[in-house]
């Protein structure tokens, strides 16, 4: 089965958000993950963003 995982799914999973376990079920060897280039860019921008206090 092919799964398209968008930026919100990756960010939720990588940051350990409340829905991370739900996304983790799709990140198994039985699924083929499709991630568009723009999603990679969005995730990169989010995780490299500095928090402003």
Protein backbone atom coordinates (compact mmCIF):
# COMPACT_ATOMS: atom_id res chain seq x y z
CA UNK A 1 0.00 0.00 0.00
CA UNK A 2 1.30 3.45 -0.89
CA UNK A 3 0.83 6.22 1.69
CA UNK A 4 1.27 9.93 1.00
CA UNK A 5 2.42 11.51 4.26
CA UNK A 6 2.09 15.29 4.36
CA UNK A 7 4.13 17.79 6.37
CA UNK A 8 1.73 17.85 9.32
CA UNK A 9 2.05 14.07 9.67
CA UNK A 10 5.85 14.15 9.58
CA UNK A 11 6.04 17.04 12.04
CA UNK A 12 3.61 15.31 14.40
CA UNK A 13 5.64 12.09 14.23
CA UNK A 14 9.09 13.69 14.52
CA UNK A 15 8.13 15.95 17.43
CA UNK A 16 6.33 13.22 19.37
CA UNK A 17 3.00 15.04 19.24
CA UNK A 18 -0.26 13.61 20.57
CA UNK A 19 -1.01 11.86 17.26
CA UNK A 20 2.53 10.54 16.70
CA UNK A 21 1.51 6.95 17.45
CA UNK A 22 -1.23 7.11 14.85
CA UNK A 23 1.26 8.23 12.18
CA UNK A 24 3.83 5.67 13.34
CA UNK A 25 1.54 2.84 12.28
CA UNK A 26 2.00 3.92 8.65
CA UNK A 27 5.79 4.07 8.92
CA UNK A 28 6.31 0.32 8.77
CA UNK A 29 7.97 -1.84 6.17
CA UNK A 30 4.60 -2.96 4.79
CA UNK A 31 3.82 0.54 3.52
CA UNK A 32 5.53 2.55 0.79
CA UNK A 33 5.76 6.16 1.94
CA UNK A 34 5.50 8.89 -0.69
CA UNK A 35 6.75 12.30 0.39
CA UNK A 36 6.65 15.15 -2.14
CA UNK A 37 9.65 17.49 -2.33
CA UNK A 38 7.61 20.45 -1.06
CA UNK A 39 6.74 18.44 2.07
CA UNK A 40 10.44 17.79 2.73
CA UNK A 41 11.04 21.52 2.46
CA UNK A 42 8.16 22.38 4.81
CA UNK A 43 9.38 19.88 7.43
CA UNK A 44 12.94 21.17 7.11
CA UNK A 45 11.79 24.77 7.62
CA UNK A 46 9.72 23.79 10.67
CA UNK A 47 12.41 21.78 12.46
CA UNK A 48 15.14 24.34 11.80
CA UNK A 49 12.98 27.27 12.87
CA UNK A 50 14.30 29.07 15.94
CA UNK A 51 11.77 29.79 18.62
CA UNK A 52 11.39 33.42 19.56
CA UNK A 53 10.68 34.19 23.20
